[in-house]
């Protein structure tokens, strides 16, 4: 928890200093009031005039008013500090998550990152609100009250000390049992979110296979385990409040009994006001611990949440910009020199080399798991090569700022991702300042202009994930988004798979005619999509088993010929 407070800025630190000042003033006033209560009782015993008693009452009223005033400002300042901390933590966690490389992102599930950004941050903020006021105020209250108590009577101080030690040992015993359970609760929260996300995200598949019962059982299992852990921790922490009430009642009874015994033993009626104020001070001590128990109910869970947040914030991406990045002007050329890369020690690509000139079309073909998408990730620098060099535009990608590299690239991913908003906001994703004319031209290149017009034009609404569009339409919108800013390099990761042959051919023709200076990289399964490429790279089990044109590869590469033979007739192969 304290490690997270380093995210506070100077303004919040100044607020915290003000909070401490108001806390000290409020606690001093609250601890001083019982002294004046004892003074009033003493005056009443002595038969003092009403004006004298009223004068002491006005002093008490002043202290009470100052205490209320200080409490109001404490509440405002603690809320401001914790809210600002929560806002900053959410922003930091989100920024780290979106900046992760593929390797880093694999360490956290989407459901876990969602929980850490929302639920875990909220747990920390809730604890911070109380912790800033009560976590500091309650111990101060207890210390000041105990000092006052020690000044009043040594015997009564011993009784209070015994009660406090018993209370603390009981609370610590409960916390030792409960804290590990909070860790399990957060893990179960991740699992519950993950199960829910899987079921709702794949609802069509679930229904198609009549798997509603199976998914319901999975959810119920996760829900039951989550509820069971919460019930256990709830029952254990619920013991704290009756325990405090028991200690408070027992302490009050002990103070009255011992106080009466002292009065009778010493024949000292003047001790009665001391006993009366002592009871109020003891109540403040117990109240301070009651407040701490409220905080202890939140702290174990907040502690677990803080650790989970720090796991994200402490994970540094292995893809970092160089200290002195080179000036970058991309000419669109691509070159790989003996490149190897792997995931978790397992090699995915090894010894891959090829060169593509500006304006040429590079096609990448190969079986499932051969490394086609990984190769595009290297060009985008979502991954770094473990061996060899990746050159884009004549520069090693490791020597260029990632922002500058990706600004020169248009990318249509394997899964066409559309964000909620409008067609315009999705097509202008790379540059919000693009004109409608530029967006319409991009839509025309992707053969998406006709159905965009039918949907209502560029202002047509897009639901999250593009659910209002077919798969082929989503692919064309993804292609349009990639070409909208007319980048020097275009990457299409199996982005033509849902298009019919005629649309596929039309889109490739438009790319060639209207973007002649851009280098195109096309990952595809269809030979008809790649046969006209200037350079074709054939991948098999992570190795480039063939590099050349369609005609050359048919003669020199057995793997490519097998792929082509499975899709083309003998006449087409001979053509």
Protein backbone atom coordinates (compact mmCIF):
# COMPACT_ATOMS: atom_id res chain seq x y z
CA UNK A 1 0.00 0.00 0.00
CA UNK A 2 2.77 2.46 0.94
CA UNK A 3 4.59 1.70 -2.32
CA UNK A 4 1.55 2.94 -4.22
CA UNK A 5 1.70 6.30 -2.44
CA UNK A 6 4.77 7.17 -4.52
CA UNK A 7 2.26 7.92 -7.26
CA UNK A 8 1.05 10.92 -5.25
CA UNK A 9 2.20 14.29 -6.56
CA UNK A 10 3.33 17.42 -4.71
CA UNK A 11 -0.21 18.81 -4.49
CA UNK A 12 -1.52 15.63 -2.86
CA UNK A 13 1.43 15.61 -0.44
CA UNK A 14 0.55 19.17 0.58
CA UNK A 15 -3.04 18.03 1.10
CA UNK A 16 -1.78 15.18 3.28
CA UNK A 17 0.20 17.63 5.43
CA UNK A 18 -2.97 19.68 5.86
CA UNK A 19 -4.88 16.50 6.70
CA UNK A 20 -2.39 15.66 9.48
CA UNK A 21 -2.70 19.17 10.91
CA UNK A 22 -6.49 18.97 11.03
CA UNK A 23 -6.27 15.46 12.55
CA UNK A 24 -4.03 16.64 15.38
CA UNK A 25 -6.35 19.58 16.09
CA UNK A 26 -9.46 17.37 16.06
CA UNK A 27 -7.95 14.67 18.28
CA UNK A 28 -6.58 17.22 20.75
CA UNK A 29 -10.04 18.74 21.07
CA UNK A 30 -11.73 15.36 21.52
CA UNK A 31 -9.24 14.23 24.17
CA UNK A 32 -9.45 17.54 26.02
CA UNK A 33 -13.26 17.51 26.34
CA UNK A 34 -13.38 14.81 29.10
CA UNK A 35 -11.12 17.05 31.26
CA UNK A 36 -13.73 19.81 31.16
CA UNK A 37 -16.46 17.25 31.82
CA UNK A 38 -14.62 16.28 35.02
CA UNK A 39 -14.26 19.98 35.86
CA UNK A 40 -18.03 20.49 35.55
CA UNK A 41 -18.68 17.49 37.84
CA UNK A 42 -16.18 18.85 40.38
CA UNK A 43 -17.86 22.29 40.34
CA UNK A 44 -21.28 20.69 40.79
CA UNK A 45 -19.96 18.70 43.79
CA UNK A 46 -18.56 21.90 45.27
CA UNK A 47 -21.87 23.75 44.66
CA UNK A 48 -20.35 26.28 42.28
CA UNK A 49 -22.48 28.98 40.73
CA UNK A 50 -24.37 28.23 37.50
CA UNK A 51 -22.44 30.98 35.68
CA UNK A 52 -19.16 29.20 36.48
CA UNK A 53 -20.50 25.88 35.18
CA UNK A 54 -21.92 27.62 32.08
CA UNK A 55 -18.54 29.21 31.40
CA UNK A 56 -16.89 25.77 31.32
CA UNK A 57 -19.73 24.59 29.06
CA UNK A 58 -19.00 27.36 26.57
CA UNK A 59 -15.35 26.29 26.48
CA UNK A 60 -16.46 22.69 25.77
CA UNK A 61 -18.74 23.96 23.00
CA UNK A 62 -15.80 25.80 21.44
CA UNK A 63 -13.64 22.65 21.45
CA UNK A 64 -16.51 20.62 19.99
CA UNK A 65 -17.04 23.19 17.19
CA UNK A 66 -13.33 23.18 16.32
CA UNK A 67 -13.40 19.35 16.27
CA UNK A 68 -16.36 19.33 13.85
CA UNK A 69 -14.71 21.95 11.64
CA UNK A 70 -11.47 19.91 11.50
CA UNK A 71 -13.38 16.67 10.77
CA UNK A 72 -15.14 18.24 7.77
CA UNK A 73 -11.86 19.34 6.24
CA UNK A 74 -10.25 15.96 6.99
CA UNK A 75 -13.03 14.25 5.05
CA UNK A 76 -12.69 16.60 2.08
CA UNK A 77 -8.89 16.29 1.94
CA UNK A 78 -8.85 12.48 2.31
CA UNK A 79 -11.47 12.14 -0.46
CA UNK A 80 -9.46 14.42 -2.77
CA UNK A 81 -6.19 12.56 -2.15
CA UNK A 82 -7.67 9.07 -2.58
CA UNK A 83 -9.68 10.05 -5.68
CA UNK A 84 -6.61 11.55 -7.35
CA UNK A 85 -4.60 8.45 -6.42
CA UNK A 86 -7.27 6.17 -7.90
CA UNK A 87 -7.40 8.16 -11.12
CA UNK A 88 -3.63 8.05 -11.49
CA UNK A 89 -3.39 4.34 -10.69
CA UNK A 90 -6.08 3.44 -13.22
CA UNK A 91 -4.26 5.50 -15.83
CA UNK A 92 -0.89 3.93 -14.98
CA UNK A 93 -2.24 0.35 -15.06
CA UNK A 94 -4.03 0.98 -18.36
CA UNK A 95 -0.97 2.65 -19.90
CA UNK A 96 1.25 -0.25 -18.85
CA UNK A 97 -1.24 -2.80 -20.16
CA UNK A 98 -1.56 -1.23 -23.63
CA UNK A 99 2.23 -0.82 -23.79
CA UNK A 100 2.98 -4.49 -23.13
CA UNK A 101 4.74 -6.52 -25.77
CA UNK A 102 3.12 -9.79 -26.84
CA UNK A 103 5.34 -11.64 -24.38
CA UNK A 104 4.37 -9.37 -21.46
CA UNK A 105 0.67 -9.41 -22.32
CA UNK A 106 0.71 -13.20 -22.13
CA UNK A 107 1.54 -12.99 -18.41
CA UNK A 108 -1.92 -11.57 -17.62
CA UNK A 109 -5.31 -12.61 -18.91
CA UNK A 110 -7.68 -9.93 -20.22
CA UNK A 111 -10.06 -10.66 -17.33
CA UNK A 112 -7.25 -10.25 -14.80
CA UNK A 113 -6.13 -6.92 -16.27
CA UNK A 114 -9.73 -5.71 -16.22
CA UNK A 115 -10.07 -6.70 -12.55
CA UNK A 116 -6.78 -5.03 -11.64
CA UNK A 117 -7.74 -1.80 -13.43
CA UNK A 118 -11.19 -1.53 -11.82
CA UNK A 119 -11.85 -3.73 -8.78
CA UNK A 120 -8.31 -3.76 -7.38
CA UNK A 121 -7.82 -0.01 -7.78
CA UNK A 122 -11.20 0.58 -6.10
CA UNK A 123 -10.14 -1.62 -3.16
CA UNK A 124 -6.99 0.45 -2.75
CA UNK A 125 -8.89 3.74 -3.03
CA UNK A 126 -11.51 2.63 -0.48
CA UNK A 127 -8.76 1.66 1.95
CA UNK A 128 -6.90 4.92 1.25
CA UNK A 129 -10.00 7.03 2.08
CA UNK A 130 -10.25 5.43 5.51
CA UNK A 131 -6.52 4.91 5.92
CA UNK A 132 -5.65 8.56 5.45
CA UNK A 133 -8.10 9.63 8.14
CA UNK A 134 -8.64 6.67 10.41
CA UNK A 135 -5.35 4.83 9.92
CA UNK A 136 -3.49 7.92 11.13
CA UNK A 137 -6.18 9.43 13.36
CA UNK A 138 -7.12 6.34 15.38
CA UNK A 139 -3.58 5.58 16.65
CA UNK A 140 -3.11 9.27 17.49
CA UNK A 141 -6.40 9.24 19.35
CA UNK A 142 -5.42 6.10 21.26
CA UNK A 143 -1.96 7.47 22.19
CA UNK A 144 -3.29 10.86 23.36
CA UNK A 145 -6.11 9.24 25.33
CA UNK A 146 -3.73 6.77 26.97
CA UNK A 147 -1.40 9.63 27.95
CA UNK A 148 -4.35 11.42 29.57
CA UNK A 149 -5.38 8.19 31.29
CA UNK A 150 -1.86 7.59 32.64
CA UNK A 151 -1.90 11.09 34.12
CA UNK A 152 -5.20 10.39 35.91
CA UNK A 153 -4.75 7.03 37.66
CA UNK A 154 -2.10 4.31 37.50
CA UNK A 155 -4.48 1.56 38.64
CA UNK A 156 -7.12 2.37 36.05
CA UNK A 157 -4.36 2.61 33.42
CA UNK A 158 -3.38 -1.00 34.12
CA UNK A 159 -6.98 -2.14 33.56
CA UNK A 160 -7.14 -0.25 30.26
CA UNK A 161 -3.79 -1.70 29.16
CA UNK A 162 -4.97 -5.26 29.83
CA UNK A 163 -8.11 -4.64 27.77
CA UNK A 164 -6.12 -3.14 24.90
CA UNK A 165 -3.62 -6.03 24.82
CA UNK A 166 -6.46 -8.58 24.82
CA UNK A 167 -8.24 -6.70 22.03
CA UNK A 168 -5.12 -6.40 19.86
CA UNK A 169 -4.15 -10.06 20.25
CA UNK A 170 -7.69 -11.17 19.34
CA UNK A 171 -7.80 -8.93 16.25
CA UNK A 172 -4.36 -10.08 15.08
CA UNK A 173 -5.41 -13.73 15.44
CA UNK A 174 -8.44 -13.13 13.25
CA UNK A 175 -6.37 -11.26 10.66
CA UNK A 176 -3.80 -14.06 10.45
CA UNK A 177 -6.62 -16.42 9.48
CA UNK A 178 -8.41 -14.03 7.12
CA UNK A 179 -5.56 -12.43 5.12
CA UNK A 180 -4.65 -15.53 3.03
CA UNK A 181 -8.32 -15.88 2.15
CA UNK A 182 -8.38 -12.42 0.61
CA UNK A 183 -5.63 -13.50 -1.79
CA UNK A 184 -7.79 -16.44 -2.85
CA UNK A 185 -10.78 -14.14 -3.29
CA UNK A 186 -8.90 -11.94 -5.77
CA UNK A 187 -7.77 -14.99 -7.75
CA UNK A 188 -11.34 -16.29 -7.75
CA UNK A 189 -12.54 -12.85 -8.92
CA UNK A 190 -10.19 -13.18 -11.91
CA UNK A 191 -11.54 -16.65 -12.64
CA UNK A 192 -15.16 -15.53 -12.32
CA UNK A 193 -14.53 -12.62 -14.69
CA UNK A 194 -12.70 -14.91 -17.11
CA UNK A 195 -15.51 -17.50 -17.18
CA UNK A 196 -18.13 -14.78 -17.67
CA UNK A 197 -16.11 -13.13 -20.43
CA UNK A 198 -15.57 -16.44 -22.25
CA UNK A 199 -19.24 -17.39 -22.09
CA UNK A 200 -20.64 -14.01 -23.14
CA UNK A 201 -17.93 -13.35 -25.75
CA UNK A 202 -18.55 -16.71 -27.40
CA UNK A 203 -22.31 -16.78 -26.88
CA UNK A 204 -23.04 -17.82 -30.49
CA UNK A 205 -20.73 -20.82 -30.29
CA UNK A 206 -22.20 -21.75 -26.90
CA UNK A 207 -25.72 -21.71 -28.32
CA UNK A 208 -24.74 -23.48 -31.52
CA UNK A 209 -23.38 -26.45 -29.56
CA UNK A 210 -26.13 -26.41 -26.92
CA UNK A 211 -23.43 -25.78 -24.34
CA UNK A 212 -25.47 -23.43 -22.16
CA UNK A 213 -25.65 -26.05 -19.42
CA UNK A 214 -21.89 -26.63 -19.46
CA UNK A 215 -21.14 -22.89 -19.32
CA UNK A 216 -23.73 -22.42 -16.57
CA UNK A 217 -22.05 -25.19 -14.58
CA UNK A 218 -18.64 -23.55 -15.06
CA UNK A 219 -20.03 -20.22 -13.90
CA UNK A 220 -21.81 -21.77 -10.91
CA UNK A 221 -18.63 -23.56 -9.87
CA UNK A 222 -16.59 -20.33 -10.00
CA UNK A 223 -19.42 -18.38 -8.36
CA UNK A 224 -19.83 -20.94 -5.57
CA UNK A 225 -16.12 -20.93 -4.71
CA UNK A 226 -16.07 -17.12 -4.77
CA UNK A 227 -19.13 -16.92 -2.49
CA UNK A 228 -17.70 -19.56 -0.11
CA UNK A 229 -14.49 -17.61 0.43
CA UNK A 230 -16.41 -14.36 0.92
CA UNK A 231 -18.73 -15.98 3.44
CA UNK A 232 -15.80 -17.31 5.46
CA UNK A 233 -13.98 -13.98 5.56
CA UNK A 234 -17.25 -12.15 6.28
CA UNK A 235 -18.02 -14.39 9.24
CA UNK A 236 -14.52 -14.08 10.66
CA UNK A 237 -14.38 -10.30 10.36
CA UNK A 238 -17.92 -10.07 11.76
CA UNK A 239 -16.50 -11.41 15.05
CA UNK A 240 -14.47 -8.23 15.48
CA UNK A 241 -17.36 -5.88 16.24
CA UNK A 242 -18.98 -7.97 19.01
CA UNK A 243 -15.49 -8.59 20.38
CA UNK A 244 -14.89 -4.85 20.65
CA UNK A 245 -18.29 -4.33 22.24
CA UNK A 246 -17.49 -7.04 24.76
CA UNK A 247 -14.12 -5.46 25.60
CA UNK A 248 -15.68 -1.99 25.85
CA UNK A 249 -18.49 -3.17 28.15
CA UNK A 250 -16.04 -5.17 30.28
CA UNK A 251 -13.64 -2.23 30.49
CA UNK A 252 -16.42 0.18 31.50
CA UNK A 253 -17.60 -2.25 34.19
CA UNK A 254 -14.02 -2.72 35.46
CA UNK A 255 -13.43 1.07 35.59
CA UNK A 256 -16.65 1.66 37.57
CA UNK A 257 -15.93 -1.23 39.94
CA UNK A 258 -12.29 -0.26 40.52
CA UNK A 259 -13.18 3.44 40.71
CA UNK A 260 -15.82 2.81 43.37
CA UNK A 261 -13.36 0.58 45.24
CA UNK A 262 -10.74 3.37 45.21
CA UNK A 263 -13.30 5.95 46.43
CA UNK A 264 -14.35 3.69 49.33
CA UNK A 265 -10.77 2.60 50.11
CA UNK A 266 -9.29 6.08 50.17
CA UNK A 267 -12.48 7.80 51.31
CA UNK A 268 -11.88 10.21 48.44
CA UNK A 269 -15.11 11.48 46.85
CA UNK A 270 -13.02 13.84 44.71
CA UNK A 271 -11.92 10.79 42.68
CA UNK A 272 -15.43 10.50 41.21
CA UNK A 273 -14.90 13.22 38.52
CA UNK A 274 -11.59 11.55 37.62
CA UNK A 275 -13.36 8.21 37.22
CA UNK A 276 -16.07 9.86 35.12
CA UNK A 277 -13.57 11.48 32.71
CA UNK A 278 -11.54 8.27 32.74
CA UNK A 279 -14.57 6.38 31.43
CA UNK A 280 -14.86 8.80 28.52
CA UNK A 281 -11.15 8.55 27.75
CA UNK A 282 -11.30 4.73 27.87
CA UNK A 283 -14.26 4.89 25.48
CA UNK A 284 -12.12 6.96 23.11
CA UNK A 285 -9.36 4.35 23.27
CA UNK A 286 -11.77 1.53 22.48
CA UNK A 287 -13.44 3.64 19.78
CA UNK A 288 -10.04 4.19 18.20
CA UNK A 289 -9.53 0.44 18.04
CA UNK A 290 -13.06 -0.04 16.70
CA UNK A 291 -12.17 2.37 13.93
CA UNK A 292 -8.97 0.43 13.27
CA UNK A 293 -11.01 -2.77 12.98
CA UNK A 294 -13.11 -1.12 10.27
CA UNK A 295 -9.85 -0.36 8.52
CA UNK A 296 -8.55 -3.88 9.10
CA UNK A 297 -11.61 -5.23 7.31
CA UNK A 298 -10.45 -3.40 4.20
CA UNK A 299 -6.69 -3.53 4.55
CA UNK A 300 -6.03 -7.25 3.91
CA UNK A 301 -7.99 -7.17 0.66
CA UNK A 302 -6.51 -3.80 -0.27
CA UNK A 303 -3.04 -5.19 0.45
CA UNK A 304 -3.64 -8.06 -1.97
CA UNK A 305 -5.05 -5.62 -4.54
CA UNK A 306 -2.02 -3.36 -4.13
CA UNK A 307 0.33 -6.28 -4.81
CA UNK A 308 -1.64 -7.19 -7.93
CA UNK A 309 -1.50 -3.60 -9.17
CA UNK A 310 2.24 -3.47 -8.51
CA UNK A 311 2.69 -6.69 -10.50
CA UNK A 312 1.40 -4.81 -13.54
CA UNK A 313 3.18 -1.54 -12.80
CA UNK A 314 6.42 -3.34 -11.99
CA UNK A 315 6.49 -5.31 -15.23
CA UNK A 316 8.61 -3.45 -17.73
CA UNK A 317 8.11 -4.26 -21.38
CA UNK A 318 11.05 -5.93 -23.06
CA UNK A 319 10.30 -3.77 -26.13
CA UNK A 320 11.83 -0.38 -25.33
CA UNK A 321 12.87 2.59 -27.40
CA UNK A 322 16.61 3.28 -27.78
CA UNK A 323 18.09 6.06 -25.63
CA UNK A 324 18.95 8.03 -28.78
CA UNK A 325 16.58 6.91 -31.55
CA UNK A 326 17.62 7.59 -35.13
CA UNK A 327 15.82 10.08 -37.32
CA UNK A 328 13.44 7.93 -39.32
CA UNK A 329 12.22 8.42 -42.87
CA UNK A 330 10.72 5.17 -44.13
CA UNK A 331 11.18 4.36 -47.84
CA UNK A 332 9.06 1.17 -47.59
CA UNK A 333 11.83 -1.39 -48.13
CA UNK A 334 12.03 -4.52 -45.94
CA UNK A 335 14.96 -6.79 -45.19
CA UNK A 336 15.41 -9.67 -42.77
CA UNK A 337 18.93 -10.93 -42.12
CA UNK A 338 19.13 -14.42 -40.63
CA UNK A 339 16.30 -13.66 -38.17
CA UNK A 340 15.31 -16.05 -35.38
CA UNK A 341 12.68 -15.52 -32.66
CA UNK A 342 10.87 -17.70 -30.14
CA UNK A 343 8.21 -17.74 -27.42
CA UNK A 344 9.25 -19.01 -24.02
CA UNK A 345 12.40 -20.63 -25.31
CA UNK A 346 10.68 -22.41 -28.21
CA UNK A 347 11.87 -21.19 -31.60
CA UNK A 348 9.10 -19.99 -33.94
CA UNK A 349 11.24 -18.52 -36.72
CA UNK A 350 14.87 -19.37 -37.35
CA UNK A 351 17.33 -18.25 -39.98
CA UNK A 352 14.82 -16.28 -42.08
CA UNK A 353 16.31 -13.92 -44.70
CA UNK A 354 14.78 -11.99 -47.63
CA UNK A 355 14.71 -8.51 -49.17
CA UNK A 356 11.82 -6.45 -50.61
CA UNK A 357 12.24 -3.16 -52.47
CA UNK A 358 10.04 -0.09 -52.08
CA UNK A 359 6.64 -0.43 -53.79
CA UNK A 360 6.88 -4.21 -54.23
CA UNK A 361 4.37 -6.73 -52.93
CA UNK A 362 5.61 -9.37 -50.52
CA UNK A 363 3.43 -12.44 -49.95
CA UNK A 364 3.91 -14.86 -47.05
CA UNK A 365 2.40 -18.34 -47.26
CA UNK A 366 2.72 -21.47 -45.17
CA UNK A 367 0.85 -23.91 -43.00
CA UNK A 368 -0.80 -23.18 -39.67
CA UNK A 369 1.83 -22.39 -37.02
CA UNK A 370 4.58 -21.82 -39.57
CA UNK A 371 5.31 -18.29 -38.23
CA UNK A 372 3.51 -16.01 -40.69
CA UNK A 373 1.89 -13.73 -38.09
CA UNK A 374 5.09 -13.74 -36.02
CA UNK A 375 6.95 -12.33 -39.01
CA UNK A 376 4.53 -9.38 -39.19
CA UNK A 377 4.93 -8.82 -35.45
CA UNK A 378 8.67 -8.44 -36.02
CA UNK A 379 8.04 -5.74 -38.63
CA UNK A 380 5.72 -3.91 -36.24
CA UNK A 381 8.12 -4.57 -33.37
CA UNK A 382 5.55 -6.29 -31.25
CA UNK A 383 8.37 -8.79 -30.79
CA UNK A 384 12.13 -8.47 -31.02
CA UNK A 385 14.30 -10.94 -32.90
CA UNK A 386 16.53 -13.02 -30.64
CA UNK A 387 19.04 -13.30 -33.50
CA UNK A 388 19.61 -11.38 -36.72
CA UNK A 389 18.35 -7.99 -37.87
CA UNK A 390 14.95 -6.70 -38.98
CA UNK A 391 15.27 -3.68 -41.28
CA UNK A 392 12.25 -1.55 -42.21
CA UNK A 393 12.89 1.38 -44.51
CA UNK A 394 16.60 0.71 -44.29
CA UNK A 395 16.74 1.05 -40.48
CA UNK A 396 17.03 -1.60 -37.80
CA UNK A 397 13.70 -1.50 -35.96
CA UNK A 398 15.52 -1.61 -32.60
CA UNK A 399 17.15 1.73 -33.38
CA UNK A 400 13.90 3.57 -34.17
CA UNK A 401 11.27 5.00 -31.82
CA UNK A 402 8.27 2.65 -31.86
CA UNK A 403 5.88 5.54 -32.47
CA UNK A 404 7.78 6.64 -35.59
CA UNK A 405 8.05 3.08 -36.89
CA UNK A 406 4.34 2.34 -36.57
CA UNK A 407 3.35 5.74 -37.96
CA UNK A 408 4.82 4.57 -41.27
CA UNK A 409 2.84 1.29 -41.24
CA UNK A 410 -0.78 0.47 -42.00
CA UNK A 411 -1.89 -2.79 -40.38
CA UNK A 412 -4.93 -5.00 -40.93
CA UNK A 413 -4.75 -7.76 -38.28
CA UNK A 414 -5.82 -11.36 -38.59
CA UNK A 415 -8.88 -10.66 -36.47
CA UNK A 416 -10.65 -7.55 -37.75
CA UNK A 417 -11.09 -5.43 -34.63
CA UNK A 418 -13.60 -2.56 -34.79
CA UNK A 419 -14.16 -0.23 -31.86
CA UNK A 420 -17.47 1.23 -30.74
CA UNK A 421 -18.16 4.58 -32.36
CA UNK A 422 -18.79 5.41 -35.99
CA UNK A 423 -17.40 4.25 -39.33
CA UNK A 424 -15.54 7.56 -39.52
CA UNK A 425 -13.85 7.11 -36.11
CA UNK A 426 -12.77 3.59 -37.05
CA UNK A 427 -11.36 4.49 -40.47
CA UNK A 428 -9.58 7.58 -39.11
CA UNK A 429 -8.02 5.63 -36.25
CA UNK A 430 -4.45 6.30 -37.42
CA UNK A 431 -5.10 10.04 -37.88
CA UNK A 432 -8.32 11.65 -36.54
CA UNK A 433 -7.67 14.69 -38.76
CA UNK A 434 -8.18 12.77 -42.02
CA UNK A 435 -10.76 14.37 -44.28
CA UNK A 436 -13.98 12.66 -45.34
CA UNK A 437 -12.62 12.60 -48.90
CA UNK A 438 -9.55 10.62 -47.77
CA UNK A 439 -11.73 8.19 -45.82
CA UNK A 440 -14.09 7.71 -48.74
CA UNK A 441 -11.12 7.03 -51.01
CA UNK A 442 -9.82 4.43 -48.54
CA UNK A 443 -13.25 2.79 -48.42
CA UNK A 444 -13.31 2.69 -52.22
CA UNK A 445 -9.88 1.02 -52.34
CA UNK A 446 -11.15 -1.64 -49.89
CA UNK A 447 -14.41 -2.06 -51.86
CA UNK A 448 -16.28 -1.00 -48.73
CA UNK A 449 -17.92 2.15 -50.11
CA UNK A 450 -21.14 0.45 -51.23
CA UNK A 451 -22.13 -1.16 -47.93
CA UNK A 452 -20.94 1.89 -45.94
CA UNK A 453 -23.40 3.99 -47.98
CA UNK A 454 -26.16 1.46 -47.28
CA UNK A 455 -25.44 1.62 -43.54
CA UNK A 456 -25.72 5.42 -43.50
CA UNK A 457 -22.32 6.68 -44.62
CA UNK A 458 -19.29 7.56 -42.51
CA UNK A 459 -21.50 8.57 -39.58
CA UNK A 460 -23.04 5.08 -39.36
CA UNK A 461 -22.77 3.61 -35.86
CA UNK A 462 -20.37 0.77 -35.11
CA UNK A 463 -21.03 -1.41 -32.08
CA UNK A 464 -18.12 -2.83 -30.08
CA UNK A 465 -16.49 -5.56 -32.12
CA UNK A 466 -18.36 -4.49 -35.27
CA UNK A 467 -21.29 -6.81 -34.53
CA UNK A 468 -23.49 -4.94 -37.03
CA UNK A 469 -21.21 -5.96 -39.91
CA UNK A 470 -20.49 -9.31 -41.51
CA UNK A 471 -17.01 -10.84 -41.27
CA UNK A 472 -16.20 -9.85 -44.85
CA UNK A 473 -17.39 -6.29 -44.24
CA UNK A 474 -15.27 -6.06 -41.09
CA UNK A 475 -12.24 -7.19 -43.07
CA UNK A 476 -12.83 -4.55 -45.72
CA UNK A 477 -13.25 -1.86 -43.05
CA UNK A 478 -9.99 -3.08 -41.48
CA UNK A 479 -8.26 -2.81 -44.87
CA UNK A 480 -9.71 0.68 -45.39
CA UNK A 481 -8.43 1.74 -41.98
CA UNK A 482 -4.94 0.46 -42.86
CA UNK A 483 -4.74 2.42 -46.15
CA UNK A 484 -6.56 5.60 -45.01
CA UNK A 485 -3.41 7.51 -44.05
CA UNK A 486 -1.53 6.20 -47.11
CA UNK A 487 1.46 4.79 -45.19
CA UNK A 488 4.70 3.64 -46.82
CA UNK A 489 4.20 0.05 -45.68
CA UNK A 490 0.96 -1.97 -45.60
CA UNK A 491 0.64 -5.22 -43.64
CA UNK A 492 -2.33 -7.52 -44.28
CA UNK A 493 -2.44 -10.52 -41.94
CA UNK A 494 -4.80 -12.95 -43.70
CA UNK A 495 -7.11 -9.96 -44.26
CA UNK A 496 -8.62 -11.30 -47.49
CA UNK A 497 -9.79 -14.70 -46.20
CA UNK A 498 -13.47 -13.70 -45.84
CA UNK A 499 -13.65 -11.97 -49.22
CA UNK A 500 -15.02 -13.68 -52.29
CA UNK A 501 -12.61 -14.17 -55.20
CA UNK A 502 -13.95 -11.21 -57.17
CA UNK A 503 -13.71 -8.78 -54.22
CA UNK A 504 -10.28 -10.16 -53.32
CA UNK A 505 -9.01 -9.46 -56.83
CA UNK A 506 -10.66 -6.02 -56.91
CA UNK A 507 -9.09 -4.94 -53.61
CA UNK A 508 -5.62 -6.09 -54.70
CA UNK A 509 -6.05 -4.30 -58.02
CA UNK A 510 -7.05 -1.08 -56.23
CA UNK A 511 -4.06 -1.35 -53.90
CA UNK A 512 -1.71 -1.72 -56.84
CA UNK A 513 -3.24 1.06 -58.92
CA UNK A 514 -3.95 3.69 -56.24
CA UNK A 515 -1.05 3.05 -53.85
CA UNK A 516 1.82 2.20 -56.22
CA UNK A 517 4.52 3.61 -53.94
CA UNK A 518 3.50 1.63 -50.86
CA UNK A 519 5.09 -1.72 -50.06
CA UNK A 520 2.44 -4.39 -49.43
CA UNK A 521 2.95 -7.43 -47.22
CA UNK A 522 0.17 -9.98 -47.59
CA UNK A 523 -0.24 -13.07 -45.44
CA UNK A 524 -2.71 -15.38 -47.14
CA UNK A 525 -3.77 -18.98 -47.59
CA UNK A 526 -5.05 -18.60 -51.15
CA UNK A 527 -2.52 -19.01 -53.93
CA UNK A 528 -4.75 -16.84 -56.12
CA UNK A 529 -4.20 -13.98 -53.65
CA UNK A 530 -0.41 -14.20 -53.65
CA UNK A 531 0.52 -15.45 -57.13
CA UNK A 532 1.04 -11.95 -58.55
CA UNK A 533 3.32 -10.83 -55.69
CA UNK A 534 6.83 -9.64 -56.53
CA UNK A 535 8.33 -11.75 -53.75
CA UNK A 536 6.77 -14.79 -52.11
CA UNK A 537 8.23 -16.22 -48.89
CA UNK A 538 7.22 -19.80 -48.11
CA UNK A 539 7.42 -20.72 -44.42
CA UNK A 540 7.47 -24.26 -43.09
CA UNK A 541 8.00 -24.97 -39.38
CA UNK A 542 9.57 -21.55 -38.89
CA UNK A 543 12.00 -21.75 -41.78
CA UNK A 544 11.93 -19.92 -45.10
CA UNK A 545 11.98 -22.93 -47.45
CA UNK A 546 11.42 -20.80 -50.53
CA UNK A 547 11.80 -17.18 -51.65
CA UNK A 548 10.89 -16.00 -55.15
CA UNK A 549 8.05 -15.41 -57.58
CA UNK A 550 5.12 -17.76 -58.20
CA UNK A 551 6.70 -19.22 -61.32
CA UNK A 552 10.11 -19.76 -59.72
CA UNK A 553 8.68 -21.35 -56.58
CA UNK A 554 6.56 -23.81 -58.58
CA UNK A 555 9.82 -25.11 -60.00
CA UNK A 556 12.10 -24.86 -56.98
CA UNK A 557 9.97 -25.22 -53.83
CA UNK A 558 8.19 -28.50 -53.13
CA UNK A 559 6.18 -27.02 -50.22
CA UNK A 560 4.82 -24.21 -52.39
CA UNK A 561 4.00 -26.59 -55.23
CA UNK A 562 2.00 -28.78 -52.82
CA UNK A 563 0.06 -25.74 -51.59
CA UNK A 564 -0.59 -24.58 -55.16
CA UNK A 565 -1.57 -28.06 -56.36
CA UNK A 566 -4.18 -28.34 -53.62
CA UNK A 567 -5.89 -25.15 -54.84
CA UNK A 568 -5.23 -24.84 -58.57
CA UNK A 569 -5.93 -27.11 -61.50
CA UNK A 570 -3.15 -28.42 -63.75
CA UNK A 571 -4.13 -25.87 -66.39
CA UNK A 572 -3.85 -23.02 -63.88
CA UNK A 573 -0.49 -24.31 -62.66
CA UNK A 574 0.81 -24.44 -66.20
CA UNK A 575 -0.54 -20.97 -67.05
